[in-house]
Amino acid sequence: MNTEAAKPEQSNTRPEQSTRSVSGMVVSDKMDKTITVLVERRFKHPLYKKYIRRSTRLHAHDAENECHIGDTVKLKECRPLSRTKCWRLVEILERSV
């Protein structure tokens, strides 16, 4: 009997799907290797049933300084990189004109 084959493999890394990802528009690129992204979300009011828009401004790491104001980008959550920065740029979905 081989008991090693019965044990499932365990890894210390988190599964790919467990990290959050959001998309939004770049509203500031003045900091070095950091962008500010406006992320909008919509939800239905529990009493009045009207859809409400709320927005959040997130700081994200842009390693190559490739984003500009108006770009639509996709972000992924990561470990804290600074006091306010815990998101990383994944891709630029749409460039601004």
N, C-alpha and C. Protein backbone atom coordinates (compact mmCIF):
# COMPACT_ATOMS: atom_id res chain seq x y z
N MET A 1 0.83 -1.18 0.00
CA MET A 1 0.00 0.00 0.00
C MET A 1 0.88 1.25 0.00
N ASN A 2 0.61 2.09 -0.95
CA ASN A 2 1.35 3.34 -1.05
C ASN A 2 0.48 4.46 -0.46
N THR A 3 0.89 4.97 0.69
CA THR A 3 0.08 6.00 1.36
C THR A 3 0.34 7.39 0.78
N GLU A 4 1.45 7.58 0.08
CA GLU A 4 1.77 8.89 -0.47
C GLU A 4 0.82 9.25 -1.61
N ALA A 5 0.35 8.29 -2.36
CA ALA A 5 -0.53 8.58 -3.49
C ALA A 5 -1.92 9.00 -3.03
N ALA A 6 -2.31 8.62 -1.83
CA ALA A 6 -3.65 8.94 -1.34
C ALA A 6 -3.75 10.38 -0.83
N LYS A 7 -2.62 11.01 -0.49
CA LYS A 7 -2.65 12.37 0.05
C LYS A 7 -2.81 13.38 -1.09
N PRO A 8 -3.74 14.29 -0.96
CA PRO A 8 -3.86 15.33 -1.99
C PRO A 8 -2.72 16.34 -1.84
N GLU A 9 -2.30 16.89 -2.94
CA GLU A 9 -1.21 17.86 -2.90
C GLU A 9 -1.74 19.18 -2.37
N GLN A 10 -0.95 19.80 -1.50
CA GLN A 10 -1.32 21.09 -0.95
C GLN A 10 -0.27 22.10 -1.36
N SER A 11 -0.73 23.28 -1.70
CA SER A 11 0.20 24.35 -2.04
C SER A 11 -0.11 25.56 -1.18
N ASN A 12 0.88 26.41 -1.01
CA ASN A 12 0.71 27.60 -0.19
C ASN A 12 0.15 28.77 -0.97
N THR A 13 0.01 28.63 -2.28
CA THR A 13 -0.51 29.73 -3.08
C THR A 13 -2.02 29.69 -3.11
N ARG A 14 -2.63 30.87 -3.25
CA ARG A 14 -4.08 30.95 -3.32
C ARG A 14 -4.53 30.58 -4.72
N PRO A 15 -5.70 29.99 -4.85
CA PRO A 15 -6.21 29.68 -6.19
C PRO A 15 -6.42 30.96 -6.99
N GLU A 16 -6.36 30.85 -8.29
CA GLU A 16 -6.44 32.01 -9.17
C GLU A 16 -7.78 32.73 -9.05
N GLN A 17 -8.87 32.00 -8.82
CA GLN A 17 -10.19 32.60 -8.79
C GLN A 17 -10.48 33.33 -7.48
N SER A 18 -9.72 33.11 -6.43
CA SER A 18 -10.06 33.70 -5.15
C SER A 18 -9.63 35.15 -5.03
N THR A 19 -8.76 35.65 -5.92
CA THR A 19 -8.37 37.05 -5.86
C THR A 19 -9.38 37.89 -6.62
N ARG A 20 -9.75 39.02 -6.04
CA ARG A 20 -10.75 39.88 -6.66
C ARG A 20 -10.15 40.64 -7.83
N SER A 21 -10.97 40.90 -8.84
CA SER A 21 -10.55 41.74 -9.95
C SER A 21 -11.69 42.69 -10.28
N VAL A 22 -11.34 43.93 -10.63
CA VAL A 22 -12.32 44.95 -10.97
C VAL A 22 -11.83 45.70 -12.20
N SER A 23 -12.74 46.41 -12.84
CA SER A 23 -12.35 47.26 -13.96
C SER A 23 -12.88 48.66 -13.70
N GLY A 24 -12.15 49.66 -14.20
CA GLY A 24 -12.55 51.04 -13.98
C GLY A 24 -11.77 51.97 -14.88
N MET A 25 -11.95 53.28 -14.66
CA MET A 25 -11.31 54.28 -15.50
C MET A 25 -10.23 55.02 -14.71
N VAL A 26 -9.09 55.26 -15.36
CA VAL A 26 -7.98 55.97 -14.73
C VAL A 26 -8.35 57.45 -14.63
N VAL A 27 -8.28 58.00 -13.41
CA VAL A 27 -8.58 59.41 -13.20
C VAL A 27 -7.33 60.21 -12.84
N SER A 28 -6.24 59.54 -12.49
CA SER A 28 -4.99 60.25 -12.19
C SER A 28 -3.81 59.33 -12.47
N ASP A 29 -2.77 59.91 -13.10
CA ASP A 29 -1.53 59.16 -13.34
C ASP A 29 -0.32 59.99 -12.97
N LYS A 30 -0.48 60.92 -12.03
CA LYS A 30 0.58 61.86 -11.69
C LYS A 30 1.65 61.25 -10.79
N MET A 31 1.34 60.18 -10.09
CA MET A 31 2.32 59.55 -9.21
C MET A 31 3.19 58.58 -10.01
N ASP A 32 4.39 58.35 -9.53
CA ASP A 32 5.31 57.44 -10.21
C ASP A 32 4.89 56.00 -9.92
N LYS A 33 4.63 55.23 -10.98
CA LYS A 33 4.26 53.82 -10.91
C LYS A 33 2.97 53.58 -10.13
N THR A 34 2.11 54.59 -10.04
CA THR A 34 0.83 54.46 -9.35
C THR A 34 -0.24 55.18 -10.16
N ILE A 35 -1.39 54.54 -10.28
CA ILE A 35 -2.54 55.18 -10.93
C ILE A 35 -3.71 55.17 -9.96
N THR A 36 -4.60 56.13 -10.14
CA THR A 36 -5.84 56.17 -9.37
C THR A 36 -6.97 55.79 -10.32
N VAL A 37 -7.74 54.78 -9.93
CA VAL A 37 -8.78 54.23 -10.80
C VAL A 37 -10.14 54.42 -10.13
N LEU A 38 -11.11 54.94 -10.90
CA LEU A 38 -12.47 55.11 -10.43
C LEU A 38 -13.26 53.87 -10.81
N VAL A 39 -13.75 53.14 -9.80
CA VAL A 39 -14.51 51.92 -10.02
C VAL A 39 -15.95 52.19 -9.61
N GLU A 40 -16.88 52.00 -10.56
CA GLU A 40 -18.30 52.21 -10.26
C GLU A 40 -19.00 50.88 -10.08
N ARG A 41 -19.95 50.85 -9.14
CA ARG A 41 -20.75 49.66 -8.93
C ARG A 41 -22.20 50.09 -8.85
N ARG A 42 -23.10 49.20 -9.25
CA ARG A 42 -24.53 49.46 -9.21
C ARG A 42 -25.20 48.43 -8.32
N PHE A 43 -26.15 48.89 -7.51
CA PHE A 43 -26.91 47.97 -6.68
C PHE A 43 -28.32 48.50 -6.52
N LYS A 44 -29.21 47.61 -6.21
CA LYS A 44 -30.62 47.97 -6.04
C LYS A 44 -30.87 48.38 -4.59
N HIS A 45 -31.54 49.51 -4.41
CA HIS A 45 -31.88 49.98 -3.07
C HIS A 45 -32.85 48.98 -2.43
N PRO A 46 -32.60 48.57 -1.19
CA PRO A 46 -33.42 47.51 -0.59
C PRO A 46 -34.89 47.90 -0.40
N LEU A 47 -35.18 49.18 -0.16
CA LEU A 47 -36.56 49.60 0.07
C LEU A 47 -37.23 50.13 -1.19
N TYR A 48 -36.52 51.00 -1.92
CA TYR A 48 -37.14 51.69 -3.05
C TYR A 48 -36.92 50.99 -4.39
N LYS A 49 -36.09 49.97 -4.43
CA LYS A 49 -35.86 49.14 -5.61
C LYS A 49 -35.28 49.92 -6.80
N LYS A 50 -34.70 51.07 -6.54
CA LYS A 50 -34.07 51.84 -7.60
C LYS A 50 -32.59 51.48 -7.65
N TYR A 51 -32.03 51.40 -8.86
CA TYR A 51 -30.61 51.11 -9.00
C TYR A 51 -29.81 52.37 -8.70
N ILE A 52 -28.82 52.22 -7.83
CA ILE A 52 -28.00 53.33 -7.39
C ILE A 52 -26.56 53.08 -7.82
N ARG A 53 -25.88 54.15 -8.27
CA ARG A 53 -24.47 54.04 -8.64
C ARG A 53 -23.62 54.59 -7.51
N ARG A 54 -22.62 53.83 -7.12
CA ARG A 54 -21.64 54.28 -6.15
C ARG A 54 -20.26 54.09 -6.77
N SER A 55 -19.31 54.92 -6.36
CA SER A 55 -17.98 54.82 -6.94
C SER A 55 -16.93 54.76 -5.83
N THR A 56 -15.80 54.15 -6.17
CA THR A 56 -14.67 54.00 -5.27
C THR A 56 -13.40 54.35 -6.04
N ARG A 57 -12.50 55.07 -5.39
CA ARG A 57 -11.22 55.39 -6.02
C ARG A 57 -10.16 54.47 -5.41
N LEU A 58 -9.49 53.71 -6.26
CA LEU A 58 -8.47 52.76 -5.82
C LEU A 58 -7.11 53.18 -6.37
N HIS A 59 -6.07 53.00 -5.57
CA HIS A 59 -4.70 53.19 -6.04
C HIS A 59 -4.17 51.85 -6.50
N ALA A 60 -3.55 51.83 -7.68
CA ALA A 60 -3.06 50.58 -8.25
C ALA A 60 -1.62 50.76 -8.72
N HIS A 61 -0.88 49.66 -8.72
CA HIS A 61 0.51 49.66 -9.15
C HIS A 61 0.60 49.52 -10.66
N ASP A 62 1.27 50.47 -11.31
CA ASP A 62 1.50 50.46 -12.75
C ASP A 62 3.01 50.47 -12.95
N ALA A 63 3.61 49.30 -13.09
CA ALA A 63 5.06 49.16 -13.07
C ALA A 63 5.76 49.90 -14.20
N GLU A 64 5.15 49.95 -15.40
CA GLU A 64 5.80 50.57 -16.54
C GLU A 64 5.30 51.99 -16.83
N ASN A 65 4.45 52.55 -15.98
CA ASN A 65 3.85 53.87 -16.22
C ASN A 65 3.22 53.95 -17.60
N GLU A 66 2.46 52.93 -17.98
CA GLU A 66 1.89 52.88 -19.32
C GLU A 66 0.46 53.40 -19.41
N CYS A 67 -0.20 53.65 -18.28
CA CYS A 67 -1.59 54.13 -18.29
C CYS A 67 -1.63 55.65 -18.31
N HIS A 68 -2.70 56.17 -18.91
CA HIS A 68 -2.94 57.60 -18.96
C HIS A 68 -4.37 57.87 -18.53
N ILE A 69 -4.67 59.12 -18.26
CA ILE A 69 -6.01 59.51 -17.81
C ILE A 69 -7.03 59.16 -18.89
N GLY A 70 -8.11 58.52 -18.49
CA GLY A 70 -9.18 58.14 -19.41
C GLY A 70 -9.12 56.71 -19.88
N ASP A 71 -8.03 55.99 -19.62
CA ASP A 71 -7.92 54.59 -20.01
C ASP A 71 -8.86 53.74 -19.16
N THR A 72 -9.43 52.71 -19.77
CA THR A 72 -10.20 51.72 -19.03
C THR A 72 -9.28 50.55 -18.75
N VAL A 73 -9.14 50.17 -17.48
CA VAL A 73 -8.16 49.16 -17.08
C VAL A 73 -8.81 48.08 -16.24
N LYS A 74 -8.11 46.95 -16.14
CA LYS A 74 -8.52 45.84 -15.28
C LYS A 74 -7.48 45.71 -14.18
N LEU A 75 -7.96 45.62 -12.93
CA LEU A 75 -7.09 45.52 -11.76
C LEU A 75 -7.31 44.20 -11.06
N LYS A 76 -6.28 43.77 -10.34
CA LYS A 76 -6.37 42.55 -9.56
C LYS A 76 -5.81 42.84 -8.17
N GLU A 77 -6.47 42.28 -7.16
CA GLU A 77 -6.04 42.51 -5.79
C GLU A 77 -4.74 41.75 -5.51
N CYS A 78 -3.86 42.35 -4.71
CA CYS A 78 -2.59 41.72 -4.38
C CYS A 78 -2.23 42.08 -2.94
N ARG A 79 -1.04 41.72 -2.54
CA ARG A 79 -0.58 42.05 -1.20
C ARG A 79 -0.41 43.57 -1.09
N PRO A 80 -0.42 44.12 0.12
CA PRO A 80 -0.23 45.56 0.25
C PRO A 80 1.15 45.99 -0.25
N LEU A 81 1.16 46.94 -1.18
CA LEU A 81 2.41 47.46 -1.73
C LEU A 81 2.83 48.74 -1.04
N SER A 82 1.89 49.45 -0.46
CA SER A 82 2.16 50.64 0.33
C SER A 82 0.98 50.85 1.27
N ARG A 83 0.91 52.02 1.88
CA ARG A 83 -0.18 52.28 2.83
C ARG A 83 -1.54 52.26 2.15
N THR A 84 -1.62 52.76 0.93
CA THR A 84 -2.92 52.85 0.24
C THR A 84 -3.03 51.95 -0.98
N LYS A 85 -1.98 51.27 -1.36
CA LYS A 85 -1.96 50.54 -2.63
C LYS A 85 -1.95 49.04 -2.40
N CYS A 86 -3.04 48.36 -2.81
CA CYS A 86 -3.09 46.90 -2.72
C CYS A 86 -3.77 46.31 -3.96
N TRP A 87 -3.67 47.01 -5.09
CA TRP A 87 -4.18 46.53 -6.37
C TRP A 87 -3.07 46.63 -7.40
N ARG A 88 -3.10 45.74 -8.38
CA ARG A 88 -2.08 45.70 -9.43
C ARG A 88 -2.76 45.75 -10.80
N LEU A 89 -2.16 46.49 -11.74
CA LEU A 89 -2.68 46.58 -13.09
C LEU A 89 -2.49 45.26 -13.82
N VAL A 90 -3.57 44.72 -14.40
CA VAL A 90 -3.50 43.47 -15.15
C VAL A 90 -3.39 43.77 -16.63
N GLU A 91 -4.33 44.59 -17.15
CA GLU A 91 -4.30 44.93 -18.56
C GLU A 91 -5.05 46.23 -18.80
N ILE A 92 -4.74 46.85 -19.93
CA ILE A 92 -5.46 48.04 -20.37
C ILE A 92 -6.53 47.57 -21.35
N LEU A 93 -7.80 47.75 -20.98
CA LEU A 93 -8.89 47.27 -21.81
C LEU A 93 -9.15 48.21 -22.98
N GLU A 94 -9.05 49.51 -22.74
CA GLU A 94 -9.33 50.49 -23.80
C GLU A 94 -8.50 51.73 -23.54
N ARG A 95 -7.80 52.20 -24.58
CA ARG A 95 -6.99 53.41 -24.48
C ARG A 95 -7.85 54.64 -24.70
N SER A 96 -7.49 55.75 -24.03
CA SER A 96 -8.19 57.00 -24.27
C SER A 96 -7.63 57.64 -25.53
N VAL A 97 -8.42 58.51 -26.12
CA VAL A 97 -8.00 59.14 -27.38
C VAL A 97 -7.16 60.36 -27.12
